[in-house]
Amino acid sequence: MIELPKTSVRKDIDINLPETVINSIDSMELDHLVRTMVEFGSKALILSCRVGSLYRLEVKEGNHEKVEEL
């Protein structure tokens, strides 16, 4: 059996989208919607890795002002 870490979800985040964006998402074909979600997830993963690398570099160099900004 695989043990998964607990996931915390913030409930205080609001996402506001214009009605035109919501309507365009609703009218998308399912396969296109899934491809878009996978592409977005991939880009988010790459971005998080880059931010993590930058954070580790700043911590290693002892630049506490930059760490607080991040």
PDB file of N, CA and C in Angstrom:
ATOM      1  N   MET A   1       0.833  -1.167   0.000  1.00  0.00           N
ATOM      2  CA  MET A   1       0.000   0.000   0.000  1.00  0.00           C
ATOM      3  C   MET A   1       0.892   1.249   0.000  1.00  0.00           C
ATOM      4  N   ILE A   2       0.512   2.235  -0.796  1.00  0.00           N
ATOM      5  CA  ILE A   2       1.271   3.471  -0.898  1.00  0.00           C
ATOM      6  C   ILE A   2       0.699   4.485   0.086  1.00  0.00           C
ATOM      7  N   GLU A   3       1.580   5.086   0.871  1.00  0.00           N
ATOM      8  CA  GLU A   3       1.139   6.097   1.819  1.00  0.00           C
ATOM      9  C   GLU A   3       1.347   7.475   1.210  1.00  0.00           C
ATOM     10  N   LEU A   4       0.281   8.234   1.066  1.00  0.00           N
ATOM     11  CA  LEU A   4       0.360   9.559   0.474  1.00  0.00           C
ATOM     12  C   LEU A   4       0.391  10.625   1.554  1.00  0.00           C
ATOM     13  N   PRO A   5       1.145  11.693   1.317  1.00  0.00           N
ATOM     14  CA  PRO A   5       1.172  12.774   2.303  1.00  0.00           C
ATOM     15  C   PRO A   5      -0.171  13.506   2.330  1.00  0.00           C
ATOM     16  N   LYS A   6      -0.464  14.136   3.457  1.00  0.00           N
ATOM     17  CA  LYS A   6      -1.698  14.904   3.559  1.00  0.00           C
ATOM     18  C   LYS A   6      -1.608  16.141   2.678  1.00  0.00           C
ATOM     19  N   THR A   7      -2.720  16.502   2.090  1.00  0.00           N
ATOM     20  CA  THR A   7      -2.801  17.681   1.252  1.00  0.00           C
ATOM     21  C   THR A   7      -3.636  18.727   1.959  1.00  0.00           C
ATOM     22  N   SER A   8      -3.095  19.919   2.060  1.00  0.00           N
ATOM     23  CA  SER A   8      -3.868  20.995   2.672  1.00  0.00           C
ATOM     24  C   SER A   8      -4.415  21.898   1.573  1.00  0.00           C
ATOM     25  N   VAL A   9      -5.633  22.319   1.732  1.00  0.00           N
ATOM     26  CA  VAL A   9      -6.291  23.170   0.746  1.00  0.00           C
ATOM     27  C   VAL A   9      -6.691  24.467   1.426  1.00  0.00           C
ATOM     28  N   ARG A  10      -6.287  25.575   0.835  1.00  0.00           N
ATOM     29  CA  ARG A  10      -6.686  26.872   1.375  1.00  0.00           C
ATOM     30  C   ARG A  10      -8.066  27.203   0.846  1.00  0.00           C
ATOM     31  N   LYS A  11      -8.959  27.515   1.750  1.00  0.00           N
ATOM     32  CA  LYS A  11     -10.330  27.814   1.351  1.00  0.00           C
ATOM     33  C   LYS A  11     -10.585  29.309   1.233  1.00  0.00           C
ATOM     34  N   ASP A  12      -9.587  30.115   1.544  1.00  0.00           N
ATOM     35  CA  ASP A  12      -9.783  31.555   1.514  1.00  0.00           C
ATOM     36  C   ASP A  12      -9.322  32.204   0.209  1.00  0.00           C
ATOM     37  N   ILE A  13      -9.073  31.414  -0.814  1.00  0.00           N
ATOM     38  CA  ILE A  13      -8.623  31.931  -2.095  1.00  0.00           C
ATOM     39  C   ILE A  13      -9.822  32.064  -3.025  1.00  0.00           C
ATOM     40  N   ASP A  14     -10.013  33.262  -3.566  1.00  0.00           N
ATOM     41  CA  ASP A  14     -11.077  33.503  -4.535  1.00  0.00           C
ATOM     42  C   ASP A  14     -10.472  33.628  -5.919  1.00  0.00           C
ATOM     43  N   ILE A  15     -11.088  32.975  -6.873  1.00  0.00           N
ATOM     44  CA  ILE A  15     -10.668  33.095  -8.267  1.00  0.00           C
ATOM     45  C   ILE A  15     -11.832  33.707  -9.025  1.00  0.00           C
ATOM     46  N   ASN A  16     -11.593  34.882  -9.558  1.00  0.00           N
ATOM     47  CA  ASN A  16     -12.634  35.581 -10.297  1.00  0.00           C
ATOM     48  C   ASN A  16     -12.293  35.583 -11.775  1.00  0.00           C
ATOM     49  N   LEU A  17     -13.188  35.035 -12.581  1.00  0.00           N
ATOM     50  CA  LEU A  17     -12.993  34.996 -14.022  1.00  0.00           C
ATOM     51  C   LEU A  17     -14.145  35.716 -14.700  1.00  0.00           C
ATOM     52  N   PRO A  18     -13.851  36.413 -15.797  1.00  0.00           N
ATOM     53  CA  PRO A  18     -14.935  37.033 -16.543  1.00  0.00           C
ATOM     54  C   PRO A  18     -15.889  35.974 -17.099  1.00  0.00           C
ATOM     55  N   GLU A  19     -17.119  36.353 -17.283  1.00  0.00           N
ATOM     56  CA  GLU A  19     -18.137  35.427 -17.795  1.00  0.00           C
ATOM     57  C   GLU A  19     -17.749  34.857 -19.158  1.00  0.00           C
ATOM     58  N   THR A  20     -17.052  35.640 -19.982  1.00  0.00           N
ATOM     59  CA  THR A  20     -16.651  35.152 -21.308  1.00  0.00           C
ATOM     60  C   THR A  20     -15.655  34.005 -21.200  1.00  0.00           C
ATOM     61  N   VAL A  21     -14.765  34.075 -20.229  1.00  0.00           N
ATOM     62  CA  VAL A  21     -13.788  32.993 -20.031  1.00  0.00           C
ATOM     63  C   VAL A  21     -14.503  31.732 -19.554  1.00  0.00           C
ATOM     64  N   ILE A  22     -15.415  31.883 -18.622  1.00  0.00           N
ATOM     65  CA  ILE A  22     -16.173  30.733 -18.123  1.00  0.00           C
ATOM     66  C   ILE A  22     -16.971  30.089 -19.249  1.00  0.00           C
ATOM     67  N   ASN A  23     -17.610  30.887 -20.076  1.00  0.00           N
ATOM     68  CA  ASN A  23     -18.392  30.348 -21.197  1.00  0.00           C
ATOM     69  C   ASN A  23     -17.505  29.633 -22.203  1.00  0.00           C
ATOM     70  N   SER A  24     -16.300  30.169 -22.460  1.00  0.00           N
ATOM     71  CA  SER A  24     -15.412  29.511 -23.416  1.00  0.00           C
ATOM     72  C   SER A  24     -14.914  28.175 -22.872  1.00  0.00           C
ATOM     73  N   ILE A  25     -14.676  28.109 -21.557  1.00  0.00           N
ATOM     74  CA  ILE A  25     -14.262  26.843 -20.950  1.00  0.00           C
ATOM     75  C   ILE A  25     -15.402  25.830 -21.017  1.00  0.00           C
ATOM     76  N   ASP A  26     -16.611  26.287 -20.738  1.00  0.00           N
ATOM     77  CA  ASP A  26     -17.773  25.396 -20.787  1.00  0.00           C
ATOM     78  C   ASP A  26     -18.016  24.837 -22.179  1.00  0.00           C
ATOM     79  N   SER A  27     -17.657  25.594 -23.215  1.00  0.00           N
ATOM     80  CA  SER A  27     -17.936  25.144 -24.582  1.00  0.00           C
ATOM     81  C   SER A  27     -16.786  24.351 -25.204  1.00  0.00           C
ATOM     82  N   MET A  28     -15.685  24.166 -24.469  1.00  0.00           N
ATOM     83  CA  MET A  28     -14.545  23.421 -25.013  1.00  0.00           C
ATOM     84  C   MET A  28     -14.854  21.932 -25.097  1.00  0.00           C
ATOM     85  N   GLU A  29     -14.257  21.299 -26.097  1.00  0.00           N
ATOM     86  CA  GLU A  29     -14.366  19.843 -26.185  1.00  0.00           C
ATOM     87  C   GLU A  29     -13.532  19.233 -25.069  1.00  0.00           C
ATOM     88  N   LEU A  30     -13.968  18.085 -24.587  1.00  0.00           N
ATOM     89  CA  LEU A  30     -13.335  17.458 -23.429  1.00  0.00           C
ATOM     90  C   LEU A  30     -11.862  17.164 -23.650  1.00  0.00           C
ATOM     91  N   ASP A  31     -11.495  16.617 -24.816  1.00  0.00           N
ATOM     92  CA  ASP A  31     -10.082  16.277 -25.047  1.00  0.00           C
ATOM     93  C   ASP A  31      -9.210  17.524 -25.087  1.00  0.00           C
ATOM     94  N   HIS A  32      -9.734  18.613 -25.638  1.00  0.00           N
ATOM     95  CA  HIS A  32      -8.969  19.863 -25.666  1.00  0.00           C
ATOM     96  C   HIS A  32      -8.820  20.435 -24.257  1.00  0.00           C
ATOM     97  N   LEU A  33      -9.862  20.333 -23.471  1.00  0.00           N
ATOM     98  CA  LEU A  33      -9.815  20.814 -22.091  1.00  0.00           C
ATOM     99  C   LEU A  33      -8.775  20.038 -21.277  1.00  0.00           C
ATOM    100  N   VAL A  34      -8.748  18.726 -21.457  1.00  0.00           N
ATOM    101  CA  VAL A  34      -7.773  17.894 -20.735  1.00  0.00           C
ATOM    102  C   VAL A  34      -6.351  18.233 -21.177  1.00  0.00           C
ATOM    103  N   ARG A  35      -6.125  18.391 -22.473  1.00  0.00           N
ATOM    104  CA  ARG A  35      -4.781  18.753 -22.965  1.00  0.00           C
ATOM    105  C   ARG A  35      -4.338  20.095 -22.391  1.00  0.00           C
ATOM    106  N   THR A  36      -5.262  21.052 -22.328  1.00  0.00           N
ATOM    107  CA  THR A  36      -4.947  22.370 -21.780  1.00  0.00           C
ATOM    108  C   THR A  36      -4.596  22.264 -20.303  1.00  0.00           C
ATOM    109  N   MET A  37      -5.346  21.471 -19.562  1.00  0.00           N
ATOM    110  CA  MET A  37      -5.067  21.294 -18.133  1.00  0.00           C
ATOM    111  C   MET A  37      -3.714  20.634 -17.914  1.00  0.00           C
ATOM    112  N   VAL A  38      -3.372  19.644 -18.730  1.00  0.00           N
ATOM    113  CA  VAL A  38      -2.079  18.968 -18.603  1.00  0.00           C
ATOM    114  C   VAL A  38      -0.941  19.933 -18.922  1.00  0.00           C
ATOM    115  N   GLU A  39      -1.122  20.741 -19.974  1.00  0.00           N
ATOM    116  CA  GLU A  39      -0.090  21.715 -20.335  1.00  0.00           C
ATOM    117  C   GLU A  39       0.085  22.752 -19.229  1.00  0.00           C
ATOM    118  N   PHE A  40      -1.010  23.242 -18.675  1.00  0.00           N
ATOM    119  CA  PHE A  40      -0.935  24.203 -17.581  1.00  0.00           C
ATOM    120  C   PHE A  40      -0.250  23.584 -16.366  1.00  0.00           C
ATOM    121  N   GLY A  41      -0.594  22.348 -16.045  1.00  0.00           N
ATOM    122  CA  GLY A  41       0.028  21.656 -14.919  1.00  0.00           C
ATOM    123  C   GLY A  41       1.525  21.480 -15.124  1.00  0.00           C
ATOM    124  N   SER A  42       1.926  21.163 -16.346  1.00  0.00           N
ATOM    125  CA  SER A  42       3.346  20.996 -16.650  1.00  0.00           C
ATOM    126  C   SER A  42       4.100  22.312 -16.477  1.00  0.00           C
ATOM    127  N   LYS A  43       3.508  23.400 -16.970  1.00  0.00           N
ATOM    128  CA  LYS A  43       4.159  24.702 -16.831  1.00  0.00           C
ATOM    129  C   LYS A  43       4.229  25.123 -15.369  1.00  0.00           C
ATOM    130  N   ALA A  44       3.187  24.839 -14.609  1.00  0.00           N
ATOM    131  CA  ALA A  44       3.189  25.175 -13.187  1.00  0.00           C
ATOM    132  C   ALA A  44       4.265  24.377 -12.454  1.00  0.00           C
ATOM    133  N   LEU A  45       4.452  23.119 -12.833  1.00  0.00           N
ATOM    134  CA  LEU A  45       5.485  22.289 -12.212  1.00  0.00           C
ATOM    135  C   LEU A  45       6.876  22.829 -12.511  1.00  0.00           C
ATOM    136  N   ILE A  46       7.113  23.220 -13.761  1.00  0.00           N
ATOM    137  CA  ILE A  46       8.405  23.790 -14.143  1.00  0.00           C
ATOM    138  C   ILE A  46       8.657  25.080 -13.381  1.00  0.00           C
ATOM    139  N   LEU A  47       7.637  25.928 -13.293  1.00  0.00           N
ATOM    140  CA  LEU A  47       7.785  27.191 -12.579  1.00  0.00           C
ATOM    141  C   LEU A  47       8.086  26.955 -11.101  1.00  0.00           C
ATOM    142  N   SER A  48       7.393  25.994 -10.500  1.00  0.00           N
ATOM    143  CA  SER A  48       7.631  25.734  -9.076  1.00  0.00           C
ATOM    144  C   SER A  48       9.036  25.195  -8.848  1.00  0.00           C
ATOM    145  N   CYS A  49       9.542  24.403  -9.771  1.00  0.00           N
ATOM    146  CA  CYS A  49      10.927  23.908  -9.646  1.00  0.00           C
ATOM    147  C   CYS A  49      11.923  25.055  -9.733  1.00  0.00           C
ATOM    148  N   ARG A  50      11.671  25.994 -10.646  1.00  0.00           N
ATOM    149  CA  ARG A  50      12.580  27.135 -10.797  1.00  0.00           C
ATOM    150  C   ARG A  50      12.538  28.021  -9.558  1.00  0.00           C
ATOM    151  N   VAL A  51      11.345  28.263  -9.029  1.00  0.00           N
ATOM    152  CA  VAL A  51      11.229  29.078  -7.816  1.00  0.00           C
ATOM    153  C   VAL A  51      11.915  28.374  -6.653  1.00  0.00           C
ATOM    154  N   GLY A  52      11.739  27.061  -6.549  1.00  0.00           N
ATOM    155  CA  GLY A  52      12.408  26.295  -5.494  1.00  0.00           C
ATOM    156  C   GLY A  52      13.915  26.371  -5.607  1.00  0.00           C
ATOM    157  N   SER A  53      14.431  26.286  -6.829  1.00  0.00           N
ATOM    158  CA  SER A  53      15.880  26.386  -7.040  1.00  0.00           C
ATOM    159  C   SER A  53      16.386  27.763  -6.647  1.00  0.00           C
ATOM    160  N   LEU A  54      15.643  28.807  -7.013  1.00  0.00           N
ATOM    161  CA  LEU A  54      16.035  30.164  -6.651  1.00  0.00           C
ATOM    162  C   LEU A  54      16.018  30.338  -5.138  1.00  0.00           C
ATOM    163  N   TYR A  55      15.010  29.797  -4.499  1.00  0.00           N
ATOM    164  CA  TYR A  55      14.899  29.877  -3.037  1.00  0.00           C
ATOM    165  C   TYR A  55      16.086  29.189  -2.369  1.00  0.00           C
ATOM    166  N   ARG A  56      16.407  27.969  -2.821  1.00  0.00           N
ATOM    167  CA  ARG A  56      17.538  27.238  -2.238  1.00  0.00           C
ATOM    168  C   ARG A  56      18.857  27.983  -2.447  1.00  0.00           C
ATOM    169  N   LEU A  57      19.031  28.595  -3.617  1.00  0.00           N
ATOM    170  CA  LEU A  57      20.244  29.353  -3.901  1.00  0.00           C
ATOM    171  C   LEU A  57      20.366  30.555  -2.964  1.00  0.00           C
ATOM    172  N   GLU A  58      19.274  31.267  -2.764  1.00  0.00           N
ATOM    173  CA  GLU A  58      19.301  32.435  -1.887  1.00  0.00           C
ATOM    174  C   GLU A  58      19.571  32.021  -0.435  1.00  0.00           C
ATOM    175  N   VAL A  59      18.986  30.907  -0.008  1.00  0.00           N
ATOM    176  CA  VAL A  59      19.226  30.417   1.354  1.00  0.00           C
ATOM    177  C   VAL A  59      20.691  30.005   1.502  1.00  0.00           C
ATOM    178  N   LYS A  60      21.220  29.329   0.502  1.00  0.00           N
ATOM    179  CA  LYS A  60      22.614  28.879   0.545  1.00  0.00           C
ATOM    180  C   LYS A  60      23.571  30.062   0.613  1.00  0.00           C
ATOM    181  N   GLU A  61      23.257  31.141  -0.130  1.00  0.00           N
ATOM    182  CA  GLU A  61      24.115  32.313  -0.142  1.00  0.00           C
ATOM    183  C   GLU A  61      23.893  33.203   1.078  1.00  0.00           C
ATOM    184  N   GLY A  62      22.869  32.900   1.872  1.00  0.00           N
ATOM    185  CA  GLY A  62      22.621  33.654   3.082  1.00  0.00           C
ATOM    186  C   GLY A  62      21.957  34.999   2.862  1.00  0.00           C
ATOM    187  N   ASN A  63      21.310  35.162   1.714  1.00  0.00           N
ATOM    188  CA  ASN A  63      20.656  36.418   1.396  1.00  0.00           C
ATOM    189  C   ASN A  63      19.242  36.409   1.978  1.00  0.00           C
ATOM    190  N   HIS A  64      19.109  36.796   3.223  1.00  0.00           N
ATOM    191  CA  HIS A  64      17.829  36.701   3.922  1.00  0.00           C
ATOM    192  C   HIS A  64      16.793  37.689   3.412  1.00  0.00           C
ATOM    193  N   GLU A  65      17.227  38.843   2.889  1.00  0.00           N
ATOM    194  CA  GLU A  65      16.281  39.807   2.327  1.00  0.00           C
ATOM    195  C   GLU A  65      15.574  39.226   1.113  1.00  0.00           C
ATOM    196  N   LYS A  66      16.317  38.564   0.241  1.00  0.00           N
ATOM    197  CA  LYS A  66      15.727  37.938  -0.939  1.00  0.00           C
ATOM    198  C   LYS A  66      14.794  36.799  -0.545  1.00  0.00           C
ATOM    199  N   VAL A  67      15.168  36.039   0.467  1.00  0.00           N
ATOM    200  CA  VAL A  67      14.348  34.921   0.919  1.00  0.00           C
ATOM    201  C   VAL A  67      13.008  35.435   1.414  1.00  0.00           C
ATOM    202  N   GLU A  68      13.020  36.547   2.147  1.00  0.00           N
ATOM    203  CA  GLU A  68      11.775  37.126   2.646  1.00  0.00           C
ATOM    204  C   GLU A  68      10.895  37.597   1.486  1.00  0.00           C
ATOM    205  N   GLU A  69      11.508  38.113   0.412  1.00  0.00           N
ATOM    206  CA  GLU A  69      10.746  38.543  -0.763  1.00  0.00           C
ATOM    207  C   GLU A  69      10.057  37.357  -1.420  1.00  0.00           C
ATOM    208  N   LEU A  70      10.770  36.234  -1.484  1.00  0.00           N
ATOM    209  CA  LEU A  70      10.207  35.052  -2.135  1.00  0.00           C
ATOM    210  C   LEU A  70       9.083  34.488  -1.297  1.00  0.00           C
TER     211      LEU A  70
END
